[in-house]
Amino acid sequence: FTDEAVAAAMIDRLIHHAEVLTLDGESYRT
């Protein structure tokens, strides 16, 4: 978003009531 303040405000609203899942590992296609 080329703006740390905007990004922080957006993240704050998104994760207030959220389930955050981090996926990792090898590409499906690979």
PDB file of all heavy atoms in Angstrom:
ATOM      1  N   PHE A   1       0.807  -1.218   0.000  1.00  0.00           N
ATOM      2  CA  PHE A   1       0.000   0.000   0.000  1.00  0.00           C
ATOM      3  C   PHE A   1       0.841   1.269   0.000  1.00  0.00           C
ATOM      4  O   PHE A   1       0.278   2.373   0.065  1.00  0.00           O
ATOM      5  CB  PHE A   1      -0.938  -0.009   1.212  1.00  0.00           C
ATOM      6  CG  PHE A   1      -1.879  -1.180   1.220  1.00  0.00           C
ATOM      7  CD1 PHE A   1      -1.662  -2.268   2.066  1.00  0.00           C
ATOM      8  CD2 PHE A   1      -2.968  -1.218   0.364  1.00  0.00           C
ATOM      9  CE1 PHE A   1      -2.517  -3.361   2.059  1.00  0.00           C
ATOM     10  CE2 PHE A   1      -3.829  -2.310   0.350  1.00  0.00           C
ATOM     11  CZ  PHE A   1      -3.601  -3.382   1.206  1.00  0.00           C
ATOM     12  N   THR A   2       2.155   1.111  -0.108  1.00  0.00           N
ATOM     13  CA  THR A   2       3.102   2.237  -0.161  1.00  0.00           C
ATOM     14  C   THR A   2       2.895   3.231   0.973  1.00  0.00           C
ATOM     15  O   THR A   2       3.199   4.418   0.831  1.00  0.00           O
ATOM     16  CB  THR A   2       3.019   2.985  -1.526  1.00  0.00           C
ATOM     17  OG1 THR A   2       1.702   3.542  -1.686  1.00  0.00           O
ATOM     18  CG2 THR A   2       3.314   2.045  -2.684  1.00  0.00           C
ATOM     19  N   ASP A   3       2.355   2.769   2.083  1.00  0.00           N
ATOM     20  CA  ASP A   3       2.113   3.635   3.236  1.00  0.00           C
ATOM     21  C   ASP A   3       1.966   2.734   4.470  1.00  0.00           C
ATOM     22  O   ASP A   3       0.993   1.979   4.578  1.00  0.00           O
ATOM     23  CB  ASP A   3       0.844   4.463   3.024  1.00  0.00           C
ATOM     24  CG  ASP A   3       0.667   5.531   4.094  1.00  0.00           C
ATOM     25  OD1 ASP A   3       0.797   5.196   5.290  1.00  0.00           O
ATOM     26  OD2 ASP A   3       0.369   6.690   3.739  1.00  0.00           O
ATOM     27  N   GLU A   4       2.930   2.836   5.376  1.00  0.00           N
ATOM     28  CA  GLU A   4       2.911   1.985   6.558  1.00  0.00           C
ATOM     29  C   GLU A   4       1.701   2.263   7.440  1.00  0.00           C
ATOM     30  O   GLU A   4       1.134   1.347   8.040  1.00  0.00           O
ATOM     31  CB  GLU A   4       4.203   2.184   7.365  1.00  0.00           C
ATOM     32  CG  GLU A   4       5.477   1.730   6.660  1.00  0.00           C
ATOM     33  CD  GLU A   4       5.550   0.216   6.520  1.00  0.00           C
ATOM     34  OE1 GLU A   4       4.786  -0.487   7.217  1.00  0.00           O
ATOM     35  OE2 GLU A   4       6.375  -0.263   5.726  1.00  0.00           O
ATOM     36  N   ALA A   5       1.307   3.552   7.538  1.00  0.00           N
ATOM     37  CA  ALA A   5       0.182   3.918   8.400  1.00  0.00           C
ATOM     38  C   ALA A   5      -1.124   3.320   7.877  1.00  0.00           C
ATOM     39  O   ALA A   5      -1.936   2.791   8.644  1.00  0.00           O
ATOM     40  CB  ALA A   5       0.070   5.434   8.508  1.00  0.00           C
ATOM     41  N   VAL A   6      -1.335   3.395   6.558  1.00  0.00           N
ATOM     42  CA  VAL A   6      -2.546   2.820   5.956  1.00  0.00           C
ATOM     43  C   VAL A   6      -2.547   1.310   6.144  1.00  0.00           C
ATOM     44  O   VAL A   6      -3.575   0.707   6.501  1.00  0.00           O
ATOM     45  CB  VAL A   6      -2.626   3.184   4.460  1.00  0.00           C
ATOM     46  CG1 VAL A   6      -3.734   2.385   3.771  1.00  0.00           C
ATOM     47  CG2 VAL A   6      -2.874   4.675   4.290  1.00  0.00           C
ATOM     48  N   ALA A   7      -1.391   0.687   5.913  1.00  0.00           N
ATOM     49  CA  ALA A   7      -1.299  -0.759   6.075  1.00  0.00           C
ATOM     50  C   ALA A   7      -1.598  -1.164   7.516  1.00  0.00           C
ATOM     51  O   ALA A   7      -2.330  -2.122   7.758  1.00  0.00           O
ATOM     52  CB  ALA A   7       0.087  -1.243   5.663  1.00  0.00           C
ATOM     53  N   ALA A   8      -1.061  -0.442   8.478  1.00  0.00           N
ATOM     54  CA  ALA A   8      -1.283  -0.764   9.886  1.00  0.00           C
ATOM     55  C   ALA A   8      -2.752  -0.621  10.264  1.00  0.00           C
ATOM     56  O   ALA A   8      -3.307  -1.470  10.988  1.00  0.00           O
ATOM     57  CB  ALA A   8      -0.418   0.132  10.767  1.00  0.00           C
ATOM     58  N   ALA A   9      -3.389   0.446   9.780  1.00  0.00           N
ATOM     59  CA  ALA A   9      -4.805   0.662  10.083  1.00  0.00           C
ATOM     60  C   ALA A   9      -5.663  -0.439   9.462  1.00  0.00           C
ATOM     61  O   ALA A   9      -6.650  -0.887  10.058  1.00  0.00           O
ATOM     62  CB  ALA A   9      -5.240   2.033   9.565  1.00  0.00           C
ATOM     63  N   MET A  10      -5.283  -0.875   8.277  1.00  0.00           N
ATOM     64  CA  MET A  10      -6.033  -1.926   7.597  1.00  0.00           C
ATOM     65  C   MET A  10      -5.879  -3.256   8.326  1.00  0.00           C
ATOM     66  O   MET A  10      -6.859  -3.970   8.569  1.00  0.00           O
ATOM     67  CB  MET A  10      -5.537  -2.042   6.151  1.00  0.00           C
ATOM     68  CG  MET A  10      -6.533  -2.669   5.200  1.00  0.00           C
ATOM     69  SD  MET A  10      -5.997  -2.539   3.484  1.00  0.00           S
ATOM     70  CE  MET A  10      -5.711  -0.801   3.296  1.00  0.00           C
ATOM     71  N   ILE A  11      -4.642  -3.589   8.682  1.00  0.00           N
ATOM     72  CA  ILE A  11      -4.386  -4.837   9.392  1.00  0.00           C
ATOM     73  C   ILE A  11      -5.110  -4.860  10.723  1.00  0.00           C
ATOM     74  O   ILE A  11      -5.683  -5.882  11.123  1.00  0.00           O
ATOM     75  CB  ILE A  11      -2.862  -5.027   9.593  1.00  0.00           C
ATOM     76  CG1 ILE A  11      -2.180  -5.258   8.239  1.00  0.00           C
ATOM     77  CG2 ILE A  11      -2.585  -6.195  10.532  1.00  0.00           C
ATOM     78  CD1 ILE A  11      -0.669  -5.188   8.296  1.00  0.00           C
ATOM     79  N   ASP A  12      -5.113  -3.725  11.419  1.00  0.00           N
ATOM     80  CA  ASP A  12      -5.778  -3.641  12.717  1.00  0.00           C
ATOM     81  C   ASP A  12      -7.250  -4.011  12.611  1.00  0.00           C
ATOM     82  O   ASP A  12      -7.783  -4.752  13.446  1.00  0.00           O
ATOM     83  CB  ASP A  12      -5.624  -2.216  13.269  1.00  0.00           C
ATOM     84  CG  ASP A  12      -6.263  -2.069  14.639  1.00  0.00           C
ATOM     85  OD1 ASP A  12      -5.811  -2.728  15.583  1.00  0.00           O
ATOM     86  OD2 ASP A  12      -7.238  -1.294  14.757  1.00  0.00           O
ATOM     87  N   ARG A  13      -7.924  -3.520  11.578  1.00  0.00           N
ATOM     88  CA  ARG A  13      -9.346  -3.816  11.391  1.00  0.00           C
ATOM     89  C   ARG A  13      -9.562  -5.270  10.955  1.00  0.00           C
ATOM     90  O   ARG A  13     -10.525  -5.913  11.360  1.00  0.00           O
ATOM     91  CB  ARG A  13      -9.951  -2.856  10.373  1.00  0.00           C
ATOM     92  CG  ARG A  13     -10.173  -1.446  10.919  1.00  0.00           C
ATOM     93  CD  ARG A  13     -10.425  -0.438   9.809  1.00  0.00           C
ATOM     94  NE  ARG A  13     -10.788   0.869  10.347  1.00  0.00           N
ATOM     95  CZ  ARG A  13      -9.928   1.731  10.871  1.00  0.00           C
ATOM     96  NH1 ARG A  13      -8.633   1.407  10.939  1.00  0.00           N
ATOM     97  NH2 ARG A  13     -10.330   2.897  11.340  1.00  0.00           N
ATOM     98  N   LEU A  14      -8.665  -5.754  10.119  1.00  0.00           N
ATOM     99  CA  LEU A  14      -8.842  -7.105   9.583  1.00  0.00           C
ATOM    100  C   LEU A  14      -8.666  -8.182  10.638  1.00  0.00           C
ATOM    101  O   LEU A  14      -9.425  -9.148  10.682  1.00  0.00           O
ATOM    102  CB  LEU A  14      -7.855  -7.346   8.435  1.00  0.00           C
ATOM    103  CG  LEU A  14      -8.169  -6.675   7.095  1.00  0.00           C
ATOM    104  CD1 LEU A  14      -7.000  -6.836   6.144  1.00  0.00           C
ATOM    105  CD2 LEU A  14      -9.440  -7.251   6.493  1.00  0.00           C
ATOM    106  N   ILE A  15      -7.648  -8.049  11.475  1.00  0.00           N
ATOM    107  CA  ILE A  15      -7.320  -9.138  12.392  1.00  0.00           C
ATOM    108  C   ILE A  15      -8.023  -9.026  13.738  1.00  0.00           C
ATOM    109  O   ILE A  15      -7.894  -9.927  14.572  1.00  0.00           O
ATOM    110  CB  ILE A  15      -5.795  -9.246  12.614  1.00  0.00           C
ATOM    111  CG1 ILE A  15      -5.261  -8.024  13.365  1.00  0.00           C
ATOM    112  CG2 ILE A  15      -5.086  -9.435  11.285  1.00  0.00           C
ATOM    113  CD1 ILE A  15      -3.782  -8.168  13.736  1.00  0.00           C
ATOM    114  N   HIS A  16      -8.775  -7.930  13.957  1.00  0.00           N
ATOM    115  CA  HIS A  16      -9.482  -7.794  15.229  1.00  0.00           C
ATOM    116  C   HIS A  16     -10.416  -8.975  15.476  1.00  0.00           C
ATOM    117  O   HIS A  16     -10.503  -9.507  16.589  1.00  0.00           O
ATOM    118  CB  HIS A  16     -10.269  -6.475  15.247  1.00  0.00           C
ATOM    119  CG  HIS A  16     -10.934  -6.217  16.566  1.00  0.00           C
ATOM    120  ND1 HIS A  16     -12.017  -5.381  16.706  1.00  0.00           N
ATOM    121  CD2 HIS A  16     -10.684  -6.688  17.808  1.00  0.00           C
ATOM    122  CE1 HIS A  16     -12.394  -5.351  17.979  1.00  0.00           C
ATOM    123  NE2 HIS A  16     -11.599  -6.132  18.664  1.00  0.00           N
ATOM    124  N   HIS A  17     -11.133  -9.388  14.440  1.00  0.00           N
ATOM    125  CA  HIS A  17     -11.990 -10.579  14.520  1.00  0.00           C
ATOM    126  C   HIS A  17     -11.622 -11.467  13.340  1.00  0.00           C
ATOM    127  O   HIS A  17     -12.275 -11.420  12.296  1.00  0.00           O
ATOM    128  CB  HIS A  17     -13.472 -10.196  14.442  1.00  0.00           C
ATOM    129  CG  HIS A  17     -13.892  -9.169  15.444  1.00  0.00           C
ATOM    130  ND1 HIS A  17     -13.981  -9.425  16.791  1.00  0.00           N
ATOM    131  CD2 HIS A  17     -14.252  -7.868  15.283  1.00  0.00           C
ATOM    132  CE1 HIS A  17     -14.388  -8.339  17.427  1.00  0.00           C
ATOM    133  NE2 HIS A  17     -14.554  -7.387  16.540  1.00  0.00           N
ATOM    134  N   ALA A  18     -10.579 -12.248  13.481  1.00  0.00           N
ATOM    135  CA  ALA A  18     -10.114 -13.009  12.309  1.00  0.00           C
ATOM    136  C   ALA A  18      -9.392 -14.276  12.720  1.00  0.00           C
ATOM    137  O   ALA A  18      -8.825 -14.386  13.812  1.00  0.00           O
ATOM    138  CB  ALA A  18      -9.187 -12.151  11.450  1.00  0.00           C
ATOM    139  N   GLU A  19      -9.417 -15.225  11.794  1.00  0.00           N
ATOM    140  CA  GLU A  19      -8.589 -16.432  11.882  1.00  0.00           C
ATOM    141  C   GLU A  19      -7.495 -16.257  10.837  1.00  0.00           C
ATOM    142  O   GLU A  19      -7.780 -16.081   9.643  1.00  0.00           O
ATOM    143  CB  GLU A  19      -9.419 -17.668  11.570  1.00  0.00           C
ATOM    144  CG  GLU A  19      -8.726 -18.979  11.878  1.00  0.00           C
ATOM    145  CD  GLU A  19      -8.636 -19.277  13.365  1.00  0.00           C
ATOM    146  OE1 GLU A  19      -9.693 -19.322  14.025  1.00  0.00           O
ATOM    147  OE2 GLU A  19      -7.496 -19.471  13.854  1.00  0.00           O
ATOM    148  N   VAL A  20      -6.245 -16.247  11.289  1.00  0.00           N
ATOM    149  CA  VAL A  20      -5.108 -16.063  10.390  1.00  0.00           C
ATOM    150  C   VAL A  20      -4.389 -17.394  10.247  1.00  0.00           C
ATOM    151  O   VAL A  20      -3.949 -17.984  11.239  1.00  0.00           O
ATOM    152  CB  VAL A  20      -4.138 -14.985  10.913  1.00  0.00           C
ATOM    153  CG1 VAL A  20      -2.971 -14.816   9.946  1.00  0.00           C
ATOM    154  CG2 VAL A  20      -4.867 -13.657  11.121  1.00  0.00           C
ATOM    155  N   LEU A  21      -4.272 -17.873   9.010  1.00  0.00           N
ATOM    156  CA  LEU A  21      -3.605 -19.153   8.746  1.00  0.00           C
ATOM    157  C   LEU A  21      -2.401 -18.898   7.854  1.00  0.00           C
ATOM    158  O   LEU A  21      -2.518 -18.240   6.816  1.00  0.00           O
ATOM    159  CB  LEU A  21      -4.547 -20.134   8.064  1.00  0.00           C
ATOM    160  CG  LEU A  21      -5.776 -20.528   8.871  1.00  0.00           C
ATOM    161  CD1 LEU A  21      -7.018 -20.404   8.025  1.00  0.00           C
ATOM    162  CD2 LEU A  21      -5.650 -21.939   9.358  1.00  0.00           C
ATOM    163  N   THR A  22      -1.264 -19.419   8.265  1.00  0.00           N
ATOM    164  CA  THR A  22      -0.045 -19.297   7.467  1.00  0.00           C
ATOM    165  C   THR A  22       0.254 -20.633   6.811  1.00  0.00           C
ATOM    166  O   THR A  22       0.420 -21.639   7.509  1.00  0.00           O
ATOM    167  CB  THR A  22       1.143 -18.857   8.341  1.00  0.00           C
ATOM    168  OG1 THR A  22       0.847 -17.598   8.942  1.00  0.00           O
ATOM    169  CG2 THR A  22       2.401 -18.730   7.496  1.00  0.00           C
ATOM    170  N   LEU A  23       0.286 -20.627   5.493  1.00  0.00           N
ATOM    171  CA  LEU A  23       0.593 -21.839   4.732  1.00  0.00           C
ATOM    172  C   LEU A  23       2.038 -21.784   4.294  1.00  0.00           C
ATOM    173  O   LEU A  23       2.578 -20.707   3.996  1.00  0.00           O
ATOM    174  CB  LEU A  23      -0.314 -21.964   3.515  1.00  0.00           C
ATOM    175  CG  LEU A  23      -1.745 -22.474   3.760  1.00  0.00           C
ATOM    176  CD1 LEU A  23      -2.568 -21.451   4.531  1.00  0.00           C
ATOM    177  CD2 LEU A  23      -2.429 -22.788   2.446  1.00  0.00           C
ATOM    178  N   ASP A  24       2.684 -22.911   4.260  1.00  0.00           N
ATOM    179  CA  ASP A  24       4.088 -22.962   3.900  1.00  0.00           C
ATOM    180  C   ASP A  24       4.320 -24.211   3.064  1.00  0.00           C
ATOM    181  O   ASP A  24       3.384 -24.940   2.738  1.00  0.00           O
ATOM    182  CB  ASP A  24       4.960 -22.975   5.158  1.00  0.00           C
ATOM    183  CG  ASP A  24       6.359 -22.443   4.877  1.00  0.00           C
ATOM    184  OD1 ASP A  24       6.699 -22.255   3.694  1.00  0.00           O
ATOM    185  OD2 ASP A  24       7.113 -22.219   5.847  1.00  0.00           O
ATOM    186  N   GLY A  25       5.567 -24.430   2.740  1.00  0.00           N
ATOM    187  CA  GLY A  25       5.891 -25.663   2.043  1.00  0.00           C
ATOM    188  C   GLY A  25       6.152 -25.466   0.567  1.00  0.00           C
ATOM    189  O   GLY A  25       6.165 -24.350   0.043  1.00  0.00           O
ATOM    190  N   GLU A  26       6.285 -26.590  -0.098  1.00  0.00           N
ATOM    191  CA  GLU A  26       6.626 -26.613  -1.519  1.00  0.00           C
ATOM    192  C   GLU A  26       5.406 -26.291  -2.371  1.00  0.00           C
ATOM    193  O   GLU A  26       4.279 -26.633  -2.030  1.00  0.00           O
ATOM    194  CB  GLU A  26       7.156 -28.001  -1.883  1.00  0.00           C
ATOM    195  CG  GLU A  26       7.724 -28.115  -3.289  1.00  0.00           C
ATOM    196  CD  GLU A  26       8.276 -29.501  -3.559  1.00  0.00           C
ATOM    197  OE1 GLU A  26       8.134 -30.371  -2.682  1.00  0.00           O
ATOM    198  OE2 GLU A  26       8.831 -29.705  -4.653  1.00  0.00           O
ATOM    199  N   SER A  27       5.661 -25.623  -3.474  1.00  0.00           N
ATOM    200  CA  SER A  27       4.602 -25.312  -4.419  1.00  0.00           C
ATOM    201  C   SER A  27       3.890 -26.583  -4.869  1.00  0.00           C
ATOM    202  O   SER A  27       4.517 -27.608  -5.144  1.00  0.00           O
ATOM    203  CB  SER A  27       5.197 -24.599  -5.642  1.00  0.00           C
ATOM    204  OG  SER A  27       4.370 -24.707  -6.773  1.00  0.00           O
ATOM    205  N   TYR A  28       2.548 -26.516  -4.946  1.00  0.00           N
ATOM    206  CA  TYR A  28       1.775 -27.655  -5.459  1.00  0.00           C
ATOM    207  C   TYR A  28       2.267 -28.059  -6.842  1.00  0.00           C
ATOM    208  O   TYR A  28       2.443 -29.232  -7.141  1.00  0.00           O
ATOM    209  CB  TYR A  28       0.294 -27.268  -5.568  1.00  0.00           C
ATOM    210  CG  TYR A  28      -0.498 -27.480  -4.314  1.00  0.00           C
ATOM    211  CD1 TYR A  28      -1.116 -26.405  -3.690  1.00  0.00           C
ATOM    212  CD2 TYR A  28      -0.657 -28.748  -3.754  1.00  0.00           C
ATOM    213  CE1 TYR A  28      -1.859 -26.579  -2.532  1.00  0.00           C
ATOM    214  CE2 TYR A  28      -1.395 -28.941  -2.612  1.00  0.00           C
ATOM    215  CZ  TYR A  28      -1.993 -27.856  -2.001  1.00  0.00           C
ATOM    216  OH  TYR A  28      -2.728 -28.027  -0.869  1.00  0.00           O
ATOM    217  N   ARG A  29       2.477 -27.061  -7.686  1.00  0.00           N
ATOM    218  CA  ARG A  29       2.854 -27.366  -9.069  1.00  0.00           C
ATOM    219  C   ARG A  29       4.238 -28.016  -9.119  1.00  0.00           C
ATOM    220  O   ARG A  29       4.465 -28.972  -9.865  1.00  0.00           O
ATOM    221  CB  ARG A  29       2.797 -26.088  -9.905  1.00  0.00           C
ATOM    222  CG  ARG A  29       1.387 -25.601 -10.143  1.00  0.00           C
ATOM    223  CD  ARG A  29       1.356 -24.390 -11.058  1.00  0.00           C
ATOM    224  NE  ARG A  29       1.777 -23.173 -10.387  1.00  0.00           N
ATOM    225  CZ  ARG A  29       0.948 -22.379  -9.711  1.00  0.00           C
ATOM    226  NH1 ARG A  29      -0.327 -22.698  -9.594  1.00  0.00           N
ATOM    227  NH2 ARG A  29       1.381 -21.265  -9.146  1.00  0.00           N
ATOM    228  N   THR A  30       5.176 -27.479  -8.315  1.00  0.00           N
ATOM    229  CA  THR A  30       6.511 -28.062  -8.283  1.00  0.00           C
ATOM    230  C   THR A  30       6.477 -29.472  -7.720  1.00  0.00           C
ATOM    231  O   THR A  30       7.110 -30.393  -8.243  1.00  0.00           O
ATOM    232  CB  THR A  30       7.454 -27.182  -7.435  1.00  0.00           C
ATOM    233  OG1 THR A  30       7.498 -25.868  -7.999  1.00  0.00           O
ATOM    234  CG2 THR A  30       8.851 -27.773  -7.396  1.00  0.00           C
TER     235      THR A  30
END
